[in-house]
Amino acid sequence: MNLPTDFITKYQKLMGEEQAAAFIASFSQPSTPGFRVNPLKVSQPEDLDLTHPTAHCQFGYHGQVSGKTVDHQSGAVYSQEPSAMYVGEVAAPKRNEKVLDLCAAPGGKTTHLGSYLGNTGLLIANEIDSKRAKVLVENVERFGLTNTIVTNTDPDRMAAQLPAFFDRVLVDAPCSGEGMFRKDPDAMQYWNLAYPKECSTRQRTILTQAVKNLKPGGELIYSTCTFAPEEDEQIIAWLVETFGFEILPVKKYPGMDSGIPEWANGNPDLKNCVRIFPHHFDGEGHFIAKLKKPETGEPDPKPKRFRGIGRNIEMPTKDENVLLNQFKDDTLTDVNFKKLVVFKDHLYSVPEETPNLSGIKIVRLGLEIGTFKKNRFEPSYALALALHADQVKRQVVIDQLQWAKYVHGDTFTVEPSLSKGWYLLVCANQPVGFAKVVNGTAKNFFPKGLRFIV
């Protein structure tokens, strides 16, 4: 790999000739793929090799995942590079916590946080780029998260609306991407010697607001996919000096390195951070730190109540409740939705802990249950992926050929004896979506924007 000359020179000076030689040589080695299994699903993936688990991530495995499989489409697995998996493991939120993933797209860290929360508490996944926010929604829905609100706003507004609200905040900061050069060589096109410094300025801006979202005594997890000290140890040293944060120790698994105090202000606590170098660890480059916000002794500010969350968000009408209850009676067994609201004919189940989000652009308001149409209710794709097979009264087990037709958007035949109505489609023990059965034909409701050819 033809690394930028300035990049090579920089790390030769920082590491010394011998270490730098091994470090530079690692960029010529192939990157290592990985994936996480989804603990929210009842059944584990059927068609994947689960014989190579990662030591540092309880949900992680080494191996390749195809996006055109039942396991992937159903959300039973999430493709993620092994080093990146450790960010979610370090964050490790506790059940019922309120958690903010501030720079969340495409969703790897969000879904990992959701694995720990187990659909309890509240998870707000924010992405400032609107196009990337849509991808984030797709991954959140595919993973079956029901406690997650996806927002599309800037850190300033988030901090102003929700001060001292979250138990835990994750900032997987936009960075110079040096750790991804091997996996994505195009990332080198944006790099120059001044770029890490430019990124560090943006990181300080984001963090200045992020710390306001965190409760006193709460935890901030900061990560990058770069080796640059300007964006790693120097950012953490700045956080400590500016806001009085404590650097908490993070467990080092074999091959992981400690933070390097000499690359910042010499604070020995920087060794508590984690560096992942590709010549020491079987993964791409990463930096991870966990910090604790100082206690103030002052009571937390009370967030505004959920009421008034935004315009055009209302409680279901009497007629809408009738349609919903009819669908539940016909189709579902043991499903209790949380706070129900309607936005533009779409029905959502919103986490009870949801605060007032006025002024924050919401892309996904919790779990979309379905859509009210003229005298009928149509369940959503997101609901199907959030359900377990034993939570529905009617299901159709389909084979791989029928599944291939389904994800392509085609209809297919089922048993003529099946009564008319909504059925959960199950393939390889995984719920994959809803279909409406009419006269022995399964009408296809797989989202048009997600369809693909197997």
Protein backbone atom coordinates (compact mmCIF):
# COMPACT_ATOMS: atom_id res chain seq x y z
CA MET A 1 0.00 0.00 0.00
CA ASN A 2 1.32 3.42 -0.97
CA LEU A 3 0.87 5.38 2.24
CA PRO A 4 1.35 9.17 2.18
CA THR A 5 5.01 10.06 2.71
CA ASP A 6 4.14 12.55 5.45
CA PHE A 7 2.16 9.85 7.25
CA ILE A 8 5.15 7.49 7.23
CA THR A 9 7.55 10.20 8.39
CA LYS A 10 5.20 11.28 11.18
CA TYR A 11 4.93 7.81 12.72
CA GLN A 12 8.62 7.06 12.27
CA LYS A 13 9.29 10.09 14.50
CA LEU A 14 6.59 9.13 17.02
CA MET A 15 7.31 5.39 17.22
CA GLY A 16 10.95 5.07 16.33
CA GLU A 17 12.32 3.25 13.29
CA GLU A 18 11.82 -0.33 14.50
CA GLN A 19 8.22 -0.01 15.72
CA ALA A 20 7.28 2.14 12.78
CA ALA A 21 8.59 -0.46 10.32
CA ALA A 22 6.28 -3.14 11.72
CA PHE A 23 3.40 -0.64 11.89
CA ILE A 24 3.84 0.46 8.26
CA ALA A 25 4.23 -3.14 7.08
CA SER A 26 0.86 -4.06 8.64
CA PHE A 27 -0.93 -1.88 6.09
CA SER A 28 0.04 -4.38 3.40
CA GLN A 29 -1.75 -7.20 5.24
CA PRO A 30 -5.41 -8.00 4.49
CA SER A 31 -8.01 -6.53 6.82
CA THR A 32 -9.87 -8.94 9.10
CA PRO A 33 -13.68 -9.08 8.82
CA GLY A 34 -15.98 -9.76 11.73
CA PHE A 35 -19.60 -9.74 12.85
CA ARG A 36 -21.75 -9.60 15.96
CA VAL A 37 -24.75 -11.80 16.72
CA ASN A 38 -27.92 -10.12 17.91
CA PRO A 39 -28.87 -11.20 21.46
CA LEU A 40 -32.34 -9.69 21.03
CA LYS A 41 -33.23 -12.50 18.62
CA VAL A 42 -34.47 -15.80 20.05
CA SER A 43 -32.58 -17.98 17.58
CA GLN A 44 -28.91 -17.72 16.67
CA PRO A 45 -27.93 -17.54 12.99
CA GLU A 46 -28.14 -20.91 11.26
CA ASP A 47 -25.80 -20.45 8.33
CA LEU A 48 -22.76 -18.81 9.93
CA ASP A 49 -19.56 -20.23 11.33
CA LEU A 50 -19.64 -19.41 15.05
CA THR A 51 -16.47 -21.31 15.91
CA HIS A 52 -14.19 -18.24 16.01
CA PRO A 53 -15.46 -15.93 18.77
CA THR A 54 -13.60 -12.76 19.64
CA ALA A 55 -12.04 -12.64 23.10
CA HIS A 56 -12.83 -8.95 23.58
CA CYS A 57 -16.51 -8.87 22.56
CA GLN A 58 -19.10 -11.25 23.97
CA PHE A 59 -21.28 -10.92 20.85
CA GLY A 60 -18.40 -10.90 18.34
CA TYR A 61 -16.95 -13.42 15.89
CA HIS A 62 -14.25 -13.42 13.25
CA GLY A 63 -15.56 -14.13 9.77
CA GLN A 64 -17.32 -12.75 6.74
CA VAL A 65 -21.03 -11.89 6.54
CA SER A 66 -22.99 -11.52 3.32
CA GLY A 67 -25.70 -8.90 3.16
CA LYS A 68 -27.82 -11.18 0.99
CA THR A 69 -28.69 -13.82 3.58
CA VAL A 70 -31.59 -14.44 5.91
CA ASP A 71 -29.29 -13.94 8.90
CA HIS A 72 -28.34 -10.45 7.77
CA GLN A 73 -31.72 -9.29 6.43
CA SER A 74 -33.51 -10.41 9.58
CA GLY A 75 -31.05 -8.59 11.84
CA ALA A 76 -29.70 -11.75 13.45
CA VAL A 77 -26.16 -10.56 12.65
CA TYR A 78 -24.42 -7.24 12.16
CA SER A 79 -21.22 -6.99 10.12
CA GLN A 80 -18.56 -5.10 12.07
CA GLU A 81 -14.80 -4.89 12.03
CA PRO A 82 -13.28 -6.59 15.15
CA SER A 83 -11.54 -3.53 16.62
CA ALA A 84 -14.67 -1.41 16.31
CA MET A 85 -16.55 -3.99 18.37
CA TYR A 86 -14.59 -3.04 21.44
CA VAL A 87 -16.15 0.43 21.62
CA GLY A 88 -19.57 -0.97 22.49
CA GLU A 89 -18.01 -3.40 24.96
CA VAL A 90 -16.24 -0.55 26.74
CA ALA A 91 -19.46 1.49 26.83
CA ALA A 92 -21.49 -1.49 28.17
CA PRO A 93 -24.58 0.42 29.34
CA LYS A 94 -26.67 -1.04 32.14
CA ARG A 95 -30.32 -1.94 31.63
CA ASN A 96 -32.78 0.95 32.03
CA GLU A 97 -30.12 3.62 31.55
CA LYS A 98 -30.62 6.65 29.34
CA VAL A 99 -27.90 6.61 26.67
CA LEU A 100 -26.91 8.99 23.88
CA ASP A 101 -24.94 7.89 20.81
CA LEU A 102 -24.12 11.33 19.47
CA CYS A 103 -22.39 10.49 16.15
CA ALA A 104 -24.25 7.27 15.47
CA ALA A 105 -24.34 6.41 11.74
CA PRO A 106 -24.19 3.87 10.27
CA GLY A 107 -25.30 2.10 13.46
CA GLY A 108 -22.64 -0.39 14.55
CA LYS A 109 -22.13 1.21 17.95
CA THR A 110 -25.86 1.95 18.34
CA THR A 111 -26.89 -1.65 17.82
CA HIS A 112 -24.12 -2.78 20.18
CA LEU A 113 -25.42 -0.40 22.87
CA GLY A 114 -28.87 -1.81 22.19
CA SER A 115 -27.55 -5.32 22.75
CA TYR A 116 -26.64 -4.34 26.30
CA LEU A 117 -29.80 -2.35 27.04
CA GLY A 118 -32.04 -5.20 25.89
CA ASN A 119 -34.76 -2.77 24.77
CA THR A 120 -34.98 -1.22 28.25
CA GLY A 121 -34.37 2.41 29.16
CA LEU A 122 -33.86 4.93 26.39
CA LEU A 123 -31.32 5.07 23.58
CA ILE A 124 -31.12 8.21 21.44
CA ALA A 125 -29.03 7.71 18.31
CA ASN A 126 -28.16 11.00 16.65
CA GLU A 127 -26.61 11.65 13.26
CA ILE A 128 -26.08 15.16 11.91
CA ASP A 129 -25.96 14.06 8.24
CA SER A 130 -29.50 13.43 6.99
CA LYS A 131 -28.55 10.79 4.39
CA ARG A 132 -26.50 8.83 6.92
CA ALA A 133 -29.37 9.16 9.40
CA LYS A 134 -31.59 7.17 7.03
CA VAL A 135 -29.03 4.34 6.95
CA LEU A 136 -28.93 4.49 10.74
CA VAL A 137 -32.72 4.03 10.86
CA GLU A 138 -32.50 0.99 8.60
CA ASN A 139 -29.93 -0.68 10.86
CA VAL A 140 -31.80 0.19 14.05
CA GLU A 141 -35.00 -1.31 12.64
CA ARG A 142 -33.27 -4.38 11.27
CA PHE A 143 -31.72 -5.05 14.67
CA GLY A 144 -35.16 -4.98 16.31
CA LEU A 145 -34.54 -2.07 18.68
CA THR A 146 -37.75 -0.81 20.30
CA ASN A 147 -36.26 1.63 22.84
CA THR A 148 -34.40 3.75 20.29
CA ILE A 149 -35.16 7.20 18.92
CA VAL A 150 -33.14 8.36 15.91
CA THR A 151 -32.53 12.09 15.63
CA ASN A 152 -30.89 14.33 13.05
CA THR A 153 -29.59 17.42 14.84
CA ASP A 154 -26.40 19.21 15.82
CA PRO A 155 -24.70 18.74 19.22
CA ASP A 156 -25.46 22.34 20.25
CA ARG A 157 -29.21 21.81 20.02
CA MET A 158 -29.02 18.41 21.70
CA ALA A 159 -27.07 19.92 24.59
CA ALA A 160 -29.47 22.84 24.98
CA GLN A 161 -32.59 20.64 24.98
CA LEU A 162 -31.30 17.78 27.17
CA PRO A 163 -28.79 19.10 29.72
CA ALA A 164 -27.47 16.58 32.29
CA PHE A 165 -30.02 14.02 31.06
CA PHE A 166 -28.02 10.95 30.05
CA ASP A 167 -26.31 8.33 32.20
CA ARG A 168 -23.90 7.56 29.39
CA VAL A 169 -22.81 9.37 26.23
CA LEU A 170 -20.85 7.79 23.38
CA VAL A 171 -18.94 10.03 20.99
CA ASP A 172 -17.48 7.97 18.16
CA ALA A 173 -15.97 11.10 16.74
CA PRO A 174 -15.56 12.00 13.07
CA CYS A 175 -11.82 11.77 12.57
CA SER A 176 -8.98 11.61 10.06
CA GLY A 177 -9.63 7.89 9.54
CA GLU A 178 -6.01 6.75 9.61
CA GLY A 179 -7.03 3.45 11.16
CA MET A 180 -9.20 2.66 8.12
CA PHE A 181 -6.50 3.14 5.46
CA ARG A 182 -6.02 -0.61 5.09
CA LYS A 183 -9.72 -1.40 4.92
CA ASP A 184 -10.67 1.63 2.86
CA PRO A 185 -7.70 3.02 0.88
CA ASP A 186 -9.88 5.86 -0.45
CA ALA A 187 -9.67 7.40 3.04
CA MET A 188 -6.07 8.37 2.21
CA GLN A 189 -7.31 10.84 -0.42
CA TYR A 190 -8.55 13.18 2.31
CA TRP A 191 -5.45 12.93 4.48
CA ASN A 192 -2.71 15.49 4.77
CA LEU A 193 -0.34 16.42 7.59
CA ALA A 194 -2.66 19.17 8.84
CA TYR A 195 -5.86 17.10 8.64
CA PRO A 196 -5.66 15.49 12.14
CA LYS A 197 -5.33 18.95 13.68
CA GLU A 198 -8.38 20.13 11.75
CA CYS A 199 -10.32 17.10 12.96
CA SER A 200 -9.25 17.71 16.56
CA THR A 201 -10.77 21.19 16.42
CA ARG A 202 -14.09 19.70 15.33
CA GLN A 203 -13.84 17.02 18.01
CA ARG A 204 -13.38 19.65 20.72
CA THR A 205 -16.44 21.49 19.43
CA ILE A 206 -18.55 18.32 19.56
CA LEU A 207 -17.29 17.30 23.00
CA THR A 208 -17.85 20.74 24.50
CA GLN A 209 -21.55 20.19 23.85
CA ALA A 210 -21.61 16.44 24.58
CA VAL A 211 -20.39 16.91 28.15
CA LYS A 212 -23.45 19.10 28.81
CA ASN A 213 -25.74 16.15 27.98
CA LEU A 214 -24.11 13.98 30.62
CA LYS A 215 -25.32 13.72 34.19
CA PRO A 216 -22.81 14.47 36.96
CA GLY A 217 -21.07 11.17 37.66
CA GLY A 218 -22.08 9.86 34.22
CA GLU A 219 -19.70 8.20 31.79
CA LEU A 220 -18.39 9.54 28.50
CA ILE A 221 -16.98 7.03 26.03
CA TYR A 222 -14.81 8.60 23.34
CA SER A 223 -13.48 6.70 20.34
CA THR A 224 -11.82 7.31 17.00
CA CYS A 225 -10.52 5.18 14.15
CA THR A 226 -7.28 7.11 13.88
CA PHE A 227 -3.75 6.83 15.29
CA ALA A 228 -3.24 10.60 15.48
CA PRO A 229 -2.27 11.81 18.97
CA GLU A 230 -3.91 15.15 18.17
CA GLU A 231 -7.26 13.34 18.02
CA ASP A 232 -6.62 10.74 20.73
CA GLU A 233 -4.49 11.32 23.85
CA GLN A 234 -4.40 15.07 23.34
CA ILE A 235 -8.20 15.24 23.20
CA ILE A 236 -8.49 13.23 26.43
CA ALA A 237 -5.88 15.39 28.15
CA TRP A 238 -7.88 18.45 27.09
CA LEU A 239 -11.12 16.95 28.47
CA VAL A 240 -9.46 16.34 31.83
CA GLU A 241 -7.93 19.81 32.01
CA THR A 242 -11.03 21.64 30.79
CA PHE A 243 -13.88 19.76 32.44
CA GLY A 244 -12.24 17.86 35.29
CA PHE A 245 -13.11 14.42 33.96
CA GLU A 246 -11.54 11.28 35.45
CA ILE A 247 -9.98 8.79 33.01
CA LEU A 248 -11.32 5.38 33.96
CA PRO A 249 -9.24 2.22 33.34
CA VAL A 250 -10.24 0.09 30.36
CA LYS A 251 -9.35 -3.59 30.22
CA LYS A 252 -6.62 -4.45 27.70
CA TYR A 253 -6.97 -7.76 25.88
CA PRO A 254 -3.91 -9.43 24.33
CA GLY A 255 -2.59 -7.27 21.50
CA MET A 256 -4.16 -4.05 22.77
CA ASP A 257 -1.90 -1.19 23.81
CA SER A 258 -2.27 1.48 26.47
CA GLY A 259 -2.61 5.15 25.68
CA ILE A 260 0.70 6.97 25.40
CA PRO A 261 1.05 9.90 27.86
CA GLU A 262 4.15 11.19 26.06
CA TRP A 263 2.03 11.87 22.99
CA ALA A 264 0.01 14.41 25.01
CA ASN A 265 0.77 16.26 28.26
CA GLY A 266 2.38 13.35 30.12
CA ASN A 267 -0.64 12.62 32.35
CA PRO A 268 0.03 9.01 33.48
CA ASP A 269 -3.74 8.30 33.59
CA LEU A 270 -3.73 8.40 29.79
CA LYS A 271 -2.41 4.84 30.02
CA ASN A 272 -5.96 3.88 31.02
CA CYS A 273 -7.03 4.49 27.40
CA VAL A 274 -6.82 1.79 24.74
CA ARG A 275 -4.90 1.94 21.49
CA ILE A 276 -5.37 -0.74 18.86
CA PHE A 277 -2.54 -1.02 16.34
CA PRO A 278 -2.88 -3.43 13.39
CA HIS A 279 0.66 -4.79 13.86
CA HIS A 280 -0.24 -5.89 17.41
CA PHE A 281 -3.96 -6.78 17.17
CA ASP A 282 -6.02 -8.63 14.58
CA GLY A 283 -8.08 -5.63 13.54
CA GLU A 284 -7.97 -2.09 12.23
CA GLY A 285 -6.76 1.01 14.08
CA HIS A 286 -8.81 2.35 16.99
CA PHE A 287 -8.55 4.51 20.09
CA ILE A 288 -10.98 4.22 23.03
CA ALA A 289 -11.27 6.11 26.30
CA LYS A 290 -13.81 6.01 29.14
CA LEU A 291 -14.18 9.05 31.37
CA LYS A 292 -16.32 9.98 34.37
CA LYS A 293 -17.90 13.41 34.74
CA PRO A 294 -17.28 14.99 38.14
CA GLU A 295 -20.06 14.99 40.69
CA THR A 296 -21.38 18.46 41.46
CA GLY A 297 -23.57 17.80 44.47
CA GLU A 298 -26.33 19.76 42.76
CA PRO A 299 -29.65 18.13 41.75
CA ASP A 300 -30.01 17.18 38.10
CA PRO A 301 -32.13 19.61 36.07
CA LYS A 302 -35.61 18.30 35.36
CA PRO A 303 -36.17 17.64 31.65
CA LYS A 304 -39.36 18.89 30.09
CA ARG A 305 -42.23 16.44 30.03
CA PHE A 306 -42.97 14.35 26.95
CA ARG A 307 -46.08 16.43 26.27
CA GLY A 308 -45.40 18.92 23.50
CA ILE A 309 -42.65 16.79 21.91
CA GLY A 310 -43.34 18.30 18.52
CA ARG A 311 -45.92 19.45 16.03
CA ASN A 312 -48.36 16.98 14.45
CA ILE A 313 -47.57 14.31 17.06
CA GLU A 314 -50.81 13.22 18.70
CA MET A 315 -52.39 10.44 20.71
CA PRO A 316 -54.30 7.82 18.68
CA THR A 317 -57.97 8.67 18.09
CA LYS A 318 -60.80 6.40 19.20
CA ASP A 319 -61.19 5.03 15.66
CA GLU A 320 -57.45 4.42 15.34
CA ASN A 321 -57.43 2.52 18.63
CA VAL A 322 -60.26 0.32 17.33
CA LEU A 323 -58.23 -0.55 14.21
CA LEU A 324 -55.10 -1.21 16.25
CA ASN A 325 -56.90 -3.43 18.75
CA GLN A 326 -58.49 -5.38 15.94
CA PHE A 327 -55.04 -6.03 14.45
CA LYS A 328 -53.66 -7.03 17.87
CA ASP A 329 -56.57 -9.40 18.53
CA ASP A 330 -56.23 -11.03 15.11
CA THR A 331 -52.43 -11.21 14.88
CA LEU A 332 -50.55 -10.76 18.15
CA THR A 333 -50.41 -12.69 21.42
CA ASP A 334 -48.22 -11.29 24.20
CA VAL A 335 -47.19 -7.81 23.04
CA ASN A 336 -47.46 -4.70 25.20
CA PHE A 337 -46.62 -1.47 23.44
CA LYS A 338 -45.35 1.55 25.37
CA LYS A 339 -46.60 5.13 24.96
CA LEU A 340 -48.51 5.29 21.67
CA VAL A 341 -48.38 8.37 19.42
CA VAL A 342 -49.36 9.09 15.84
CA PHE A 343 -47.34 11.16 13.40
CA LYS A 344 -48.67 11.59 9.84
CA ASP A 345 -50.81 8.41 10.09
CA HIS A 346 -47.82 6.39 11.39
CA LEU A 347 -48.25 4.78 14.80
CA TYR A 348 -45.23 4.64 17.10
CA SER A 349 -44.47 3.01 20.43
CA VAL A 350 -42.33 5.52 22.30
CA PRO A 351 -40.09 4.69 25.29
CA GLU A 352 -41.61 5.86 28.59
CA GLU A 353 -38.41 7.77 29.45
CA THR A 354 -38.66 9.96 26.35
CA PRO A 355 -38.17 13.65 27.24
CA ASN A 356 -39.46 16.67 25.38
CA LEU A 357 -37.61 16.80 22.05
CA SER A 358 -39.09 20.00 20.67
CA GLY A 359 -36.70 21.62 18.22
CA ILE A 360 -34.83 18.37 17.58
CA LYS A 361 -35.47 16.75 14.22
CA ILE A 362 -36.76 13.22 14.80
CA VAL A 363 -36.17 10.63 12.10
CA ARG A 364 -37.54 7.61 14.00
CA LEU A 365 -39.76 8.13 17.02
CA GLY A 366 -39.24 4.80 18.78
CA LEU A 367 -40.71 1.65 17.20
CA GLU A 368 -42.97 2.20 14.21
CA ILE A 369 -45.85 -0.22 14.71
CA GLY A 370 -47.63 0.50 11.46
CA THR A 371 -49.71 2.87 9.37
CA PHE A 372 -53.38 3.82 9.51
CA LYS A 373 -55.00 3.70 6.11
CA LYS A 374 -58.66 4.00 5.12
CA ASN A 375 -60.56 1.72 7.52
CA ARG A 376 -57.54 -0.53 8.07
CA PHE A 377 -54.22 -0.83 9.84
CA GLU A 378 -51.06 -2.00 8.07
CA PRO A 379 -48.23 -3.32 10.29
CA SER A 380 -44.69 -2.12 9.65
CA TYR A 381 -41.59 -4.00 8.57
CA ALA A 382 -39.89 -2.70 11.72
CA LEU A 383 -42.54 -4.35 13.91
CA ALA A 384 -42.01 -7.70 12.20
CA LEU A 385 -38.27 -7.61 12.90
CA ALA A 386 -38.85 -6.59 16.53
CA LEU A 387 -41.23 -9.48 17.23
CA HIS A 388 -40.43 -13.01 18.27
CA ALA A 389 -42.26 -15.80 16.47
CA ASP A 390 -44.14 -16.79 19.64
CA GLN A 391 -45.64 -13.29 19.88
CA VAL A 392 -47.88 -13.79 16.86
CA LYS A 393 -50.95 -15.96 16.41
CA ARG A 394 -50.38 -16.51 12.72
CA GLN A 395 -47.13 -17.24 11.00
CA VAL A 396 -45.95 -18.87 7.80
CA VAL A 397 -42.65 -20.73 7.71
CA ILE A 398 -41.04 -20.14 4.32
CA ASP A 399 -38.02 -21.71 2.65
CA GLN A 400 -35.03 -19.99 1.07
CA LEU A 401 -36.64 -19.84 -2.38
CA GLN A 402 -39.76 -18.18 -0.99
CA TRP A 403 -37.57 -15.83 1.04
CA ALA A 404 -35.68 -14.85 -2.13
CA LYS A 405 -39.00 -13.97 -3.75
CA TYR A 406 -40.06 -12.02 -0.69
CA VAL A 407 -36.96 -9.78 -0.52
CA HIS A 408 -37.26 -9.19 -4.26
CA GLY A 409 -40.81 -7.92 -3.76
CA ASP A 410 -42.64 -10.82 -5.41
CA THR A 411 -45.78 -12.60 -4.27
CA PHE A 412 -45.70 -16.34 -3.63
CA THR A 413 -48.21 -19.07 -2.95
CA VAL A 414 -49.01 -20.53 0.48
CA GLU A 415 -51.43 -23.16 1.75
CA PRO A 416 -54.90 -22.41 0.29
CA SER A 417 -56.47 -23.33 3.62
CA LEU A 418 -54.90 -20.33 5.39
CA SER A 419 -57.49 -17.74 6.40
CA LYS A 420 -57.26 -14.17 5.16
CA GLY A 421 -55.11 -11.84 7.23
CA TRP A 422 -51.66 -10.74 8.34
CA TYR A 423 -48.99 -13.40 8.87
CA LEU A 424 -45.45 -13.15 10.18
CA LEU A 425 -43.05 -14.77 7.73
CA VAL A 426 -40.36 -16.91 9.37
CA CYS A 427 -37.33 -18.29 7.55
CA ALA A 428 -34.42 -20.19 9.16
CA ASN A 429 -36.08 -19.51 12.54
CA GLN A 430 -35.91 -15.74 12.00
CA PRO A 431 -38.88 -13.38 11.51
CA VAL A 432 -38.27 -11.63 8.18
CA GLY A 433 -41.40 -9.52 7.63
CA PHE A 434 -45.18 -9.46 7.28
CA ALA A 435 -47.28 -10.69 4.40
CA LYS A 436 -51.03 -10.49 3.89
CA VAL A 437 -52.51 -13.82 2.85
CA VAL A 438 -55.46 -13.73 0.49
CA ASN A 439 -56.80 -16.85 -1.29
CA GLY A 440 -53.55 -18.83 -1.00
CA THR A 441 -51.30 -15.95 -2.07
CA ALA A 442 -48.90 -14.08 0.20
CA LYS A 443 -49.03 -10.42 -0.81
CA ASN A 444 -45.64 -8.80 -0.45
CA PHE A 445 -45.03 -5.89 1.94
CA PHE A 446 -41.23 -5.92 1.96
CA PRO A 447 -40.17 -2.23 1.73
CA LYS A 448 -39.50 -1.17 -1.86
CA GLY A 449 -36.34 0.74 -0.98
CA LEU A 450 -34.75 -2.35 0.61
CA ARG A 451 -35.50 -4.95 -2.06
CA PHE A 452 -32.66 -6.93 -3.58
CA ILE A 453 -31.88 -9.96 -5.76
CA VAL A 454 -30.35 -12.99 -4.07
